[in-house]
Structure formats: C-alpha cells, structure tokens
Amino acid sequence: MFSTTRDGETHAIRGIDTRDILLGYIGASSALSTVLAIAITTGAI
C-alpha cells in the first residue's frame, strides 16, 4: 500500500512538465468550450 502511494506521488511529481501542463490546459479549454456549446445549443443558458 505504501509502495503504491509512493509510486503514485512519484509519477505525479514527474508528470509535472511544461508541455503536460500546456496540453492539459488546452484539453480543459476545449472540453469547457464543448460543454458551453452543448449547453447553448440545448438552450440551457
């Protein structure tokens, strides 16, 4: 259990990279845009 947690933390720390952050930001933005587009289309907003 400790090994899994430690591996998870190590992976998370190693995963912090400028490119990863940029791709994550772009992915979140496109996902948000899609959600807004669907909401507007369905008349939720």
PDB file of N, CA and C in Angstrom:
ATOM      1  N   MET A   1       0.843  -1.189   0.000  1.00  0.00           N
ATOM      2  CA  MET A   1       0.000   0.000   0.000  1.00  0.00           C
ATOM      3  C   MET A   1       0.889   1.252   0.000  1.00  0.00           C
ATOM      4  N   PHE A   2       1.935   1.233   0.822  1.00  0.00           N
ATOM      5  CA  PHE A   2       2.845   2.379   0.835  1.00  0.00           C
ATOM      6  C   PHE A   2       3.560   2.507  -0.511  1.00  0.00           C
ATOM      7  N   SER A   3       3.895   1.351  -1.098  1.00  0.00           N
ATOM      8  CA  SER A   3       4.592   1.380  -2.384  1.00  0.00           C
ATOM      9  C   SER A   3       3.717   2.021  -3.450  1.00  0.00           C
ATOM     10  N   THR A   4       2.435   1.640  -3.460  1.00  0.00           N
ATOM     11  CA  THR A   4       1.524   2.193  -4.459  1.00  0.00           C
ATOM     12  C   THR A   4       1.400   3.700  -4.294  1.00  0.00           C
ATOM     13  N   THR A   5       1.258   4.149  -3.031  1.00  0.00           N
ATOM     14  CA  THR A   5       1.135   5.582  -2.772  1.00  0.00           C
ATOM     15  C   THR A   5       2.402   6.312  -3.195  1.00  0.00           C
ATOM     16  N   ARG A   6       3.541   5.729  -2.840  1.00  0.00           N
ATOM     17  CA  ARG A   6       4.820   6.370  -3.183  1.00  0.00           C
ATOM     18  C   ARG A   6       4.980   6.424  -4.701  1.00  0.00           C
ATOM     19  N   ASP A   7       4.632   5.346  -5.389  1.00  0.00           N
ATOM     20  CA  ASP A   7       4.727   5.342  -6.853  1.00  0.00           C
ATOM     21  C   ASP A   7       3.799   6.387  -7.439  1.00  0.00           C
ATOM     22  N   GLY A   8       2.607   6.500  -6.876  1.00  0.00           N
ATOM     23  CA  GLY A   8       1.645   7.483  -7.369  1.00  0.00           C
ATOM     24  C   GLY A   8       2.172   8.897  -7.200  1.00  0.00           C
ATOM     25  N   GLU A   9       2.760   9.164  -6.033  1.00  0.00           N
ATOM     26  CA  GLU A   9       3.302  10.504  -5.784  1.00  0.00           C
ATOM     27  C   GLU A   9       4.470  10.787  -6.721  1.00  0.00           C
ATOM     28  N   THR A  10       5.333   9.787  -6.896  1.00  0.00           N
ATOM     29  CA  THR A  10       6.493   9.966  -7.772  1.00  0.00           C
ATOM     30  C   THR A  10       6.026  10.247  -9.195  1.00  0.00           C
ATOM     31  N   HIS A  11       5.044   9.484  -9.648  1.00  0.00           N
ATOM     32  CA  HIS A  11       4.527   9.663 -11.005  1.00  0.00           C
ATOM     33  C   HIS A  11       3.905  11.047 -11.154  1.00  0.00           C
ATOM     34  N   ALA A  12       3.186  11.480 -10.129  1.00  0.00           N
ATOM     35  CA  ALA A  12       2.528  12.786 -10.188  1.00  0.00           C
ATOM     36  C   ALA A  12       3.571  13.900 -10.252  1.00  0.00           C
ATOM     37  N   ILE A  13       4.613  13.778  -9.441  1.00  0.00           N
ATOM     38  CA  ILE A  13       5.656  14.811  -9.422  1.00  0.00           C
ATOM     39  C   ILE A  13       6.399  14.819 -10.755  1.00  0.00           C
ATOM     40  N   ARG A  14       6.707  13.632 -11.282  1.00  0.00           N
ATOM     41  CA  ARG A  14       7.431  13.537 -12.534  1.00  0.00           C
ATOM     42  C   ARG A  14       6.550  14.009 -13.691  1.00  0.00           C
ATOM     43  N   GLY A  15       5.230  13.891 -13.531  1.00  0.00           N
ATOM     44  CA  GLY A  15       4.306  14.263 -14.600  1.00  0.00           C
ATOM     45  C   GLY A  15       4.153  15.762 -14.771  1.00  0.00           C
ATOM     46  N   ILE A  16       4.632  16.537 -13.777  1.00  0.00           N
ATOM     47  CA  ILE A  16       4.520  17.990 -13.886  1.00  0.00           C
ATOM     48  C   ILE A  16       5.579  18.481 -14.864  1.00  0.00           C
ATOM     49  N   ASP A  17       5.139  18.840 -16.048  1.00  0.00           N
ATOM     50  CA  ASP A  17       6.056  19.275 -17.097  1.00  0.00           C
ATOM     51  C   ASP A  17       5.359  20.388 -17.852  1.00  0.00           C
ATOM     52  N   THR A  18       6.125  21.309 -18.390  1.00  0.00           N
ATOM     53  CA  THR A  18       5.522  22.451 -19.084  1.00  0.00           C
ATOM     54  C   THR A  18       4.610  21.986 -20.211  1.00  0.00           C
ATOM     55  N   ARG A  19       5.081  21.014 -20.989  1.00  0.00           N
ATOM     56  CA  ARG A  19       4.278  20.532 -22.111  1.00  0.00           C
ATOM     57  C   ARG A  19       3.006  19.866 -21.597  1.00  0.00           C
ATOM     58  N   ASP A  20       3.131  19.064 -20.539  1.00  0.00           N
ATOM     59  CA  ASP A  20       1.959  18.395 -19.978  1.00  0.00           C
ATOM     60  C   ASP A  20       0.950  19.416 -19.469  1.00  0.00           C
ATOM     61  N   ILE A  21       1.438  20.466 -18.804  1.00  0.00           N
ATOM     62  CA  ILE A  21       0.541  21.499 -18.283  1.00  0.00           C
ATOM     63  C   ILE A  21      -0.157  22.203 -19.440  1.00  0.00           C
ATOM     64  N   LEU A  22       0.608  22.499 -20.502  1.00  0.00           N
ATOM     65  CA  LEU A  22       0.042  23.193 -21.659  1.00  0.00           C
ATOM     66  C   LEU A  22      -1.017  22.330 -22.330  1.00  0.00           C
ATOM     67  N   LEU A  23      -0.703  21.044 -22.528  1.00  0.00           N
ATOM     68  CA  LEU A  23      -1.662  20.138 -23.155  1.00  0.00           C
ATOM     69  C   LEU A  23      -2.893  19.982 -22.272  1.00  0.00           C
ATOM     70  N   GLY A  24      -2.685  19.921 -20.972  1.00  0.00           N
ATOM     71  CA  GLY A  24      -3.806  19.794 -20.046  1.00  0.00           C
ATOM     72  C   GLY A  24      -4.689  21.022 -20.094  1.00  0.00           C
ATOM     73  N   TYR A  25      -4.061  22.191 -20.195  1.00  0.00           N
ATOM     74  CA  TYR A  25      -4.819  23.439 -20.256  1.00  0.00           C
ATOM     75  C   TYR A  25      -5.625  23.501 -21.545  1.00  0.00           C
ATOM     76  N   ILE A  26      -5.004  23.112 -22.664  1.00  0.00           N
ATOM     77  CA  ILE A  26      -5.704  23.114 -23.954  1.00  0.00           C
ATOM     78  C   ILE A  26      -6.862  22.119 -23.911  1.00  0.00           C
ATOM     79  N   GLY A  27      -6.604  20.949 -23.326  1.00  0.00           N
ATOM     80  CA  GLY A  27      -7.647  19.932 -23.244  1.00  0.00           C
ATOM     81  C   GLY A  27      -8.815  20.408 -22.396  1.00  0.00           C
ATOM     82  N   ALA A  28      -8.510  21.061 -21.270  1.00  0.00           N
ATOM     83  CA  ALA A  28      -9.565  21.564 -20.394  1.00  0.00           C
ATOM     84  C   ALA A  28     -10.346  22.671 -21.094  1.00  0.00           C
ATOM     85  N   SER A  29      -9.645  23.522 -21.825  1.00  0.00           N
ATOM     86  CA  SER A  29     -10.307  24.625 -22.522  1.00  0.00           C
ATOM     87  C   SER A  29     -11.252  24.096 -23.593  1.00  0.00           C
ATOM     88  N   SER A  30     -10.786  23.113 -24.376  1.00  0.00           N
ATOM     89  CA  SER A  30     -11.626  22.570 -25.436  1.00  0.00           C
ATOM     90  C   SER A  30     -12.823  21.840 -24.841  1.00  0.00           C
ATOM     91  N   ALA A  31     -12.605  21.145 -23.728  1.00  0.00           N
ATOM     92  CA  ALA A  31     -13.705  20.441 -23.073  1.00  0.00           C
ATOM     93  C   ALA A  31     -14.731  21.443 -22.561  1.00  0.00           C
ATOM     94  N   LEU A  32     -14.254  22.541 -21.978  1.00  0.00           N
ATOM     95  CA  LEU A  32     -15.147  23.574 -21.458  1.00  0.00           C
ATOM     96  C   LEU A  32     -15.923  24.210 -22.608  1.00  0.00           C
ATOM     97  N   SER A  33     -15.235  24.455 -23.717  1.00  0.00           N
ATOM     98  CA  SER A  33     -15.892  25.044 -24.884  1.00  0.00           C
ATOM     99  C   SER A  33     -16.987  24.115 -25.399  1.00  0.00           C
ATOM    100  N   THR A  34     -16.687  22.816 -25.422  1.00  0.00           N
ATOM    101  CA  THR A  34     -17.671  21.838 -25.889  1.00  0.00           C
ATOM    102  C   THR A  34     -18.892  21.836 -24.986  1.00  0.00           C
ATOM    103  N   VAL A  35     -18.659  21.860 -23.677  1.00  0.00           N
ATOM    104  CA  VAL A  35     -19.771  21.867 -22.721  1.00  0.00           C
ATOM    105  C   VAL A  35     -20.617  23.121 -22.900  1.00  0.00           C
ATOM    106  N   LEU A  36     -19.967  24.265 -23.060  1.00  0.00           N
ATOM    107  CA  LEU A  36     -20.701  25.517 -23.258  1.00  0.00           C
ATOM    108  C   LEU A  36     -21.498  25.469 -24.555  1.00  0.00           C
ATOM    109  N   ALA A  37     -20.892  24.941 -25.610  1.00  0.00           N
ATOM    110  CA  ALA A  37     -21.577  24.856 -26.900  1.00  0.00           C
ATOM    111  C   ALA A  37     -22.814  23.977 -26.791  1.00  0.00           C
ATOM    112  N   ILE A  38     -22.687  22.851 -26.106  1.00  0.00           N
ATOM    113  CA  ILE A  38     -23.831  21.950 -25.934  1.00  0.00           C
ATOM    114  C   ILE A  38     -24.910  22.627 -25.100  1.00  0.00           C
ATOM    115  N   ALA A  39     -24.499  23.319 -24.038  1.00  0.00           N
ATOM    116  CA  ALA A  39     -25.464  23.991 -23.166  1.00  0.00           C
ATOM    117  C   ALA A  39     -26.220  25.069 -23.934  1.00  0.00           C
ATOM    118  N   ILE A  40     -25.503  25.834 -24.748  1.00  0.00           N
ATOM    119  CA  ILE A  40     -26.147  26.896 -25.524  1.00  0.00           C
ATOM    120  C   ILE A  40     -27.085  26.287 -26.563  1.00  0.00           C
ATOM    121  N   THR A  41     -26.632  25.199 -27.194  1.00  0.00           N
ATOM    122  CA  THR A  41     -27.449  24.549 -28.224  1.00  0.00           C
ATOM    123  C   THR A  41     -28.744  24.007 -27.638  1.00  0.00           C
ATOM    124  N   THR A  42     -28.666  23.429 -26.451  1.00  0.00           N
ATOM    125  CA  THR A  42     -29.856  22.849 -25.833  1.00  0.00           C
ATOM    126  C   THR A  42     -30.691  23.912 -25.136  1.00  0.00           C
ATOM    127  N   GLY A  43     -30.203  25.152 -25.123  1.00  0.00           N
ATOM    128  CA  GLY A  43     -30.968  26.235 -24.519  1.00  0.00           C
ATOM    129  C   GLY A  43     -30.878  26.266 -23.009  1.00  0.00           C
ATOM    130  N   ALA A  44     -29.839  25.635 -22.459  1.00  0.00           N
ATOM    131  CA  ALA A  44     -29.695  25.623 -21.006  1.00  0.00           C
ATOM    132  C   ALA A  44     -29.282  27.004 -20.497  1.00  0.00           C
ATOM    133  N   ILE A  45     -28.601  27.763 -21.360  1.00  0.00           N
ATOM    134  CA  ILE A  45     -28.158  29.096 -20.929  1.00  0.00           C
ATOM    135  C   ILE A  45     -29.034  30.142 -21.617  1.00  0.00           C
TER     136      ILE A  45
END
